[in-house]
Amino acid sequence: MRTLRRGPGPESRFCHKGVRNRFAIGPGRWFTARVFAAVIAMRVPVPRFAPLLALCLLLAVPAAWAAPPAADGGAATAPLDPVSSPDWAADMARFAAQDAATPPPAHPIVFTGSSSMRLWTTLADDFPGKPVLNRGFGGSQLRDAVHYADRIAVRYRPRAIVLYAGDNDLNAGRTPRQVLGDFRAFVVRVRRDLPRVPIVVLAIKPSVARAAQLPQQREANALLRAEAGRWRHVAFVDVATPMLDRDGRPRPELFVEDGLHMNRAGYALWTRLLAGHLP
């Protein structure tokens, strides 16, 4: 009579009647794994324990199907630092007044983040037929978008959220890892109320004024890209690479005189890069 035998490899493999099955042993299936291990160790004929094994499988397989992947909320978020400035309270009051005077469109595409979003005044023209809503507040940092997520995004029940931030964070001395942590906190906060709404995060743009920060920007963008890939319905759009010339320097023709904020050509480039990611 055939018995179960354990095969090699990093996962548990069990063979019976020439058929090979693989079971990824995780914390949620600890009991099932222990039962299999005990049966194998005793080398007991299969029929005696067949009912018990069948029951374990019935308990384990649905749990495996139901368990969410680690990508959605599997990573813990670090404690969030306070807002970068108390001035944002005035911006929130301004948004509330605008909503009262002119009700926003139902289920809009919310554009939020720092001044590169606030100054994008041609959104309606750039994305015709899309219900866009600009809720950028200049000078803000990524963690500010977390603190005010309800007022700038969640309350509108948007069909999508487009986020640009991190530029001011690095300029203020925050590290790429801190930018990553704040972005993760933003996604977690939004997902609490809007579990399926797409989030589009734009790469931190290079600029003439902050060309010395290119190494930190590249590191932060690599972290943001990887983090976005861990989540369902979160996309990273690389607006940074096309803003560099052949020598890897920021293209001055995309900026206004301050070398930091974009001109019409810069926003036209962003529009082309982002268009395919909007619902």
Protein backbone atom coordinates (compact mmCIF):
# COMPACT_ATOMS: atom_id res chain seq x y z
CA MET A 1 0.00 0.00 0.00
CA ARG A 2 1.33 3.45 -0.92
CA THR A 3 2.18 5.97 1.75
CA LEU A 4 2.70 9.70 1.58
CA ARG A 5 6.30 10.77 1.20
CA ARG A 6 7.86 14.19 1.40
CA GLY A 7 9.82 15.52 -1.52
CA PRO A 8 12.65 18.07 -1.60
CA GLY A 9 12.35 21.79 -2.08
CA PRO A 10 11.54 25.01 -0.24
CA GLU A 11 7.81 24.24 -0.26
CA SER A 12 6.12 21.08 0.97
CA ARG A 13 5.48 18.61 -1.86
CA PHE A 14 3.40 15.54 -1.36
CA CYS A 15 3.08 12.58 -3.72
CA HIS A 16 0.35 9.98 -3.86
CA LYS A 17 -0.41 7.58 -6.70
CA GLY A 18 2.13 9.33 -8.87
CA VAL A 19 0.38 12.71 -8.71
CA ARG A 20 2.46 15.62 -7.36
CA ASN A 21 0.76 18.44 -5.47
CA ARG A 22 2.31 21.56 -3.95
CA PHE A 23 1.10 23.42 -0.90
CA ALA A 24 2.67 26.75 0.08
CA ILE A 25 2.94 26.58 3.83
CA GLY A 26 2.07 29.91 5.38
CA PRO A 27 0.97 31.07 8.84
CA GLY A 28 -2.71 30.73 7.93
CA ARG A 29 -2.31 27.01 7.20
CA TRP A 30 -0.07 26.03 10.13
CA PHE A 31 -2.48 23.41 11.50
CA THR A 32 -2.87 21.67 8.14
CA ALA A 33 0.90 21.59 7.67
CA ARG A 34 1.42 20.04 11.08
CA VAL A 35 -1.13 17.32 10.40
CA PHE A 36 0.55 16.42 7.12
CA ALA A 37 3.97 16.45 8.78
CA ALA A 38 2.78 14.14 11.56
CA VAL A 39 1.30 11.66 9.12
CA ILE A 40 4.47 11.66 7.03
CA ALA A 41 6.69 11.19 10.07
CA MET A 42 4.71 8.11 11.13
CA ARG A 43 4.63 6.77 7.55
CA VAL A 44 1.08 5.61 8.17
CA PRO A 45 -0.89 4.14 5.24
CA VAL A 46 -3.00 6.82 3.59
CA PRO A 47 -6.50 5.29 3.94
CA ARG A 48 -6.44 5.43 7.76
CA PHE A 49 -5.98 9.20 7.76
CA ALA A 50 -7.77 10.01 4.51
CA PRO A 51 -10.85 11.59 6.18
CA LEU A 52 -8.70 13.80 8.38
CA LEU A 53 -6.53 14.89 5.48
CA ALA A 54 -9.59 15.68 3.39
CA LEU A 55 -11.02 17.82 6.18
CA CYS A 56 -7.76 19.76 6.50
CA LEU A 57 -7.74 20.44 2.80
CA LEU A 58 -11.30 21.70 2.89
CA LEU A 59 -10.34 24.12 5.66
CA ALA A 60 -7.07 25.26 4.12
CA VAL A 61 -7.92 25.78 0.45
CA PRO A 62 -10.78 28.29 0.92
CA ALA A 63 -8.62 30.19 3.38
CA ALA A 64 -5.86 30.37 0.79
CA TRP A 65 -8.30 31.72 -1.79
CA ALA A 66 -9.74 34.29 0.62
CA ALA A 67 -6.45 35.56 2.04
CA PRO A 68 -5.44 38.93 0.55
CA PRO A 69 -1.95 39.19 -0.95
CA ALA A 70 0.74 40.88 1.10
CA ALA A 71 0.67 43.67 -1.48
CA ASP A 72 -2.60 45.05 -0.16
CA GLY A 73 -1.92 46.24 3.37
CA GLY A 74 0.71 43.62 4.18
CA ALA A 75 3.36 46.20 5.00
CA ALA A 76 3.13 48.11 8.24
CA THR A 77 3.24 51.88 8.11
CA ALA A 78 5.54 53.92 10.34
CA PRO A 79 4.06 56.59 12.62
CA LEU A 80 3.21 59.68 10.57
CA ASP A 81 5.07 62.91 11.26
CA PRO A 82 3.02 66.08 11.89
CA VAL A 83 1.98 68.32 9.01
CA SER A 84 4.83 70.28 7.51
CA SER A 85 3.05 73.62 8.03
CA PRO A 86 -0.08 74.94 9.79
CA ASP A 87 -0.77 77.06 6.70
CA TRP A 88 -2.54 74.16 5.00
CA ALA A 89 -5.60 74.78 7.19
CA ALA A 90 -6.27 77.89 5.09
CA ASP A 91 -6.11 75.80 1.92
CA MET A 92 -8.61 73.34 3.35
CA ALA A 93 -10.95 76.22 4.17
CA ARG A 94 -10.55 77.50 0.63
CA PHE A 95 -11.47 74.10 -0.81
CA ALA A 96 -14.58 73.96 1.40
CA ALA A 97 -15.63 77.42 0.23
CA GLN A 98 -15.13 76.44 -3.40
CA ASP A 99 -17.24 73.31 -2.90
CA ALA A 100 -20.02 75.40 -1.36
CA ALA A 101 -19.94 78.00 -4.13
CA THR A 102 -19.54 75.56 -7.02
CA PRO A 103 -20.32 71.93 -6.23
CA PRO A 104 -17.62 69.66 -7.70
CA PRO A 105 -18.51 67.04 -10.30
CA ALA A 106 -19.79 63.70 -9.08
CA HIS A 107 -17.04 61.12 -8.70
CA PRO A 108 -14.30 63.31 -10.13
CA ILE A 109 -10.71 62.51 -10.99
CA VAL A 110 -8.94 64.29 -8.14
CA PHE A 111 -5.53 65.84 -8.81
CA THR A 112 -3.76 66.58 -5.55
CA GLY A 113 -0.32 67.22 -4.14
CA SER A 114 2.08 70.13 -4.15
CA SER A 115 2.43 73.24 -6.35
CA SER A 116 2.99 71.30 -9.58
CA MET A 117 -0.61 70.18 -9.13
CA ARG A 118 -1.93 73.47 -7.78
CA LEU A 119 -0.57 75.34 -10.81
CA TRP A 120 -2.04 72.89 -13.31
CA THR A 121 -4.85 75.27 -14.19
CA THR A 122 -5.56 73.76 -17.61
CA LEU A 123 -6.72 70.35 -16.41
CA ALA A 124 -10.19 70.66 -17.94
CA ASP A 125 -8.70 71.60 -21.33
CA ASP A 126 -5.96 68.99 -21.15
CA PHE A 127 -8.37 66.16 -20.34
CA PRO A 128 -11.59 67.08 -22.17
CA GLY A 129 -14.61 65.04 -21.19
CA LYS A 130 -13.01 64.01 -17.89
CA PRO A 131 -14.54 65.25 -14.60
CA VAL A 132 -11.31 66.67 -13.18
CA LEU A 133 -10.96 68.39 -9.81
CA ASN A 134 -7.80 70.20 -8.73
CA ARG A 135 -7.05 69.93 -5.03
CA GLY A 136 -3.34 70.73 -5.04
CA PHE A 137 -1.92 72.95 -2.29
CA GLY A 138 1.44 74.53 -3.04
CA GLY A 139 4.46 73.85 -0.88
CA SER A 140 2.95 70.76 0.67
CA GLN A 141 4.73 67.49 1.33
CA LEU A 142 3.57 63.93 0.96
CA ARG A 143 2.63 63.46 4.59
CA ASP A 144 0.36 66.51 4.34
CA ALA A 145 -1.68 64.66 1.72
CA VAL A 146 -2.08 61.85 4.26
CA HIS A 147 -3.23 64.17 7.04
CA TYR A 148 -5.74 65.90 4.77
CA ALA A 149 -6.69 62.91 2.63
CA ASP A 150 -10.35 63.17 3.57
CA ARG A 151 -10.62 66.85 2.63
CA ILE A 152 -8.63 66.67 -0.61
CA ALA A 153 -9.72 63.31 -1.97
CA VAL A 154 -11.78 60.80 0.00
CA ARG A 155 -14.80 63.04 0.60
CA TYR A 156 -15.38 63.38 -3.15
CA ARG A 157 -15.71 59.63 -3.69
CA PRO A 158 -13.48 60.00 -6.75
CA ARG A 159 -13.20 57.62 -9.66
CA ALA A 160 -9.41 58.08 -9.50
CA ILE A 161 -6.76 60.02 -7.58
CA VAL A 162 -3.66 61.51 -9.22
CA LEU A 163 -0.93 62.39 -6.71
CA TYR A 164 2.22 64.43 -7.13
CA ALA A 165 4.38 65.04 -4.07
CA GLY A 166 7.84 64.31 -2.69
CA ASP A 167 9.65 67.13 -4.43
CA ASN A 168 9.39 69.50 -1.46
CA ASP A 169 10.06 66.65 0.96
CA LEU A 170 13.52 65.97 -0.42
CA ASN A 171 14.27 69.67 -0.64
CA ALA A 172 13.41 69.99 3.07
CA GLY A 173 15.88 67.25 3.96
CA ARG A 174 13.62 64.22 4.18
CA THR A 175 15.06 60.98 2.89
CA PRO A 176 13.82 58.83 0.01
CA ARG A 177 12.82 56.21 2.60
CA GLN A 178 10.69 58.76 4.42
CA VAL A 179 9.03 59.68 1.13
CA LEU A 180 8.30 55.99 0.59
CA GLY A 181 6.81 55.64 4.06
CA ASP A 182 4.57 58.66 3.58
CA PHE A 183 3.37 57.38 0.20
CA ARG A 184 2.55 54.02 1.73
CA ALA A 185 0.63 55.80 4.49
CA PHE A 186 -1.34 57.72 1.84
CA VAL A 187 -2.35 54.54 0.05
CA VAL A 188 -3.33 52.87 3.33
CA ARG A 189 -5.41 55.89 4.32
CA VAL A 190 -7.23 56.05 0.98
CA ARG A 191 -7.77 52.29 0.90
CA ARG A 192 -9.52 52.46 4.27
CA ASP A 193 -12.51 54.16 2.65
CA LEU A 194 -11.92 53.58 -1.08
CA PRO A 195 -10.57 50.06 -1.47
CA ARG A 196 -10.79 49.91 -5.26
CA VAL A 197 -10.30 53.48 -6.46
CA PRO A 198 -7.25 53.78 -8.75
CA ILE A 199 -4.35 55.83 -7.42
CA VAL A 200 -1.84 57.24 -9.88
CA VAL A 201 1.40 58.54 -8.40
CA LEU A 202 3.68 60.66 -10.56
CA ALA A 203 7.44 60.44 -10.31
CA ILE A 204 9.24 63.27 -8.57
CA LYS A 205 10.18 65.58 -11.40
CA PRO A 206 13.74 66.77 -12.04
CA SER A 207 14.12 70.53 -12.26
CA VAL A 208 16.79 73.07 -13.07
CA ALA A 209 16.47 74.67 -9.65
CA ARG A 210 16.94 71.35 -7.82
CA ALA A 211 19.32 69.57 -10.17
CA ALA A 212 21.65 68.82 -7.24
CA GLN A 213 18.92 66.59 -5.77
CA LEU A 214 18.74 64.28 -8.81
CA PRO A 215 20.38 61.32 -6.98
CA GLN A 216 17.85 61.49 -4.13
CA GLN A 217 15.01 61.94 -6.61
CA ARG A 218 16.08 58.87 -8.56
CA GLU A 219 16.28 56.80 -5.38
CA ALA A 220 12.88 57.99 -4.21
CA ASN A 221 11.31 57.32 -7.62
CA ALA A 222 12.68 53.77 -7.66
CA LEU A 223 11.13 53.18 -4.24
CA LEU A 224 7.80 54.69 -5.31
CA ARG A 225 7.71 52.57 -8.46
CA ALA A 226 8.38 49.38 -6.50
CA GLU A 227 5.79 50.26 -3.84
CA ALA A 228 3.12 51.05 -6.43
CA GLY A 229 3.74 47.63 -7.96
CA ARG A 230 2.86 45.95 -4.66
CA TRP A 231 -0.69 47.31 -4.63
CA ARG A 232 -3.75 46.62 -6.68
CA HIS A 233 -5.07 49.63 -8.62
CA VAL A 234 -1.98 51.75 -7.92
CA ALA A 235 0.11 52.94 -10.86
CA PHE A 236 3.42 54.77 -11.07
CA VAL A 237 3.86 57.13 -14.02
CA ASP A 238 7.43 58.07 -14.88
CA VAL A 239 7.25 61.74 -15.77
CA ALA A 240 10.87 62.23 -14.68
CA THR A 241 12.85 60.48 -17.42
CA PRO A 242 11.27 62.39 -20.34
CA MET A 243 12.10 65.65 -18.54
CA LEU A 244 15.84 64.95 -18.83
CA ASP A 245 18.01 65.65 -21.87
CA ARG A 246 20.46 63.24 -23.47
CA ASP A 247 23.06 64.09 -20.85
CA GLY A 248 20.67 63.36 -17.99
CA ARG A 249 20.11 67.00 -17.07
CA PRO A 250 16.73 68.72 -16.57
CA ARG A 251 15.37 70.26 -19.77
CA PRO A 252 15.16 74.04 -19.19
CA GLU A 253 12.57 74.53 -21.94
CA LEU A 254 9.98 72.79 -19.71
CA PHE A 255 10.19 75.36 -16.89
CA VAL A 256 9.29 78.93 -16.12
CA GLU A 257 11.93 81.40 -15.04
CA ASP A 258 12.31 80.03 -11.51
CA GLY A 259 13.57 76.73 -12.94
CA LEU A 260 11.29 74.83 -10.57
CA HIS A 261 7.72 75.13 -11.80
CA MET A 262 6.64 73.98 -15.24
CA ASN A 263 5.46 76.02 -18.19
CA ARG A 264 2.87 75.01 -20.76
CA ALA A 265 5.32 72.67 -22.50
CA GLY A 266 5.97 70.85 -19.24
CA TYR A 267 2.29 70.30 -18.57
CA ALA A 268 1.72 69.22 -22.16
CA LEU A 269 4.34 66.52 -21.60
CA TRP A 270 2.65 65.38 -18.38
CA THR A 271 -0.70 65.31 -20.15
CA ARG A 272 0.61 62.93 -22.82
CA LEU A 273 2.23 60.66 -20.25
CA LEU A 274 -0.80 60.54 -17.97
CA ALA A 275 -3.66 60.34 -20.47
CA GLY A 276 -3.67 56.56 -20.77
CA HIS A 277 -3.91 56.07 -17.00
CA LEU A 278 -7.17 57.96 -16.39
CA PRO A 279 -10.55 56.22 -16.32
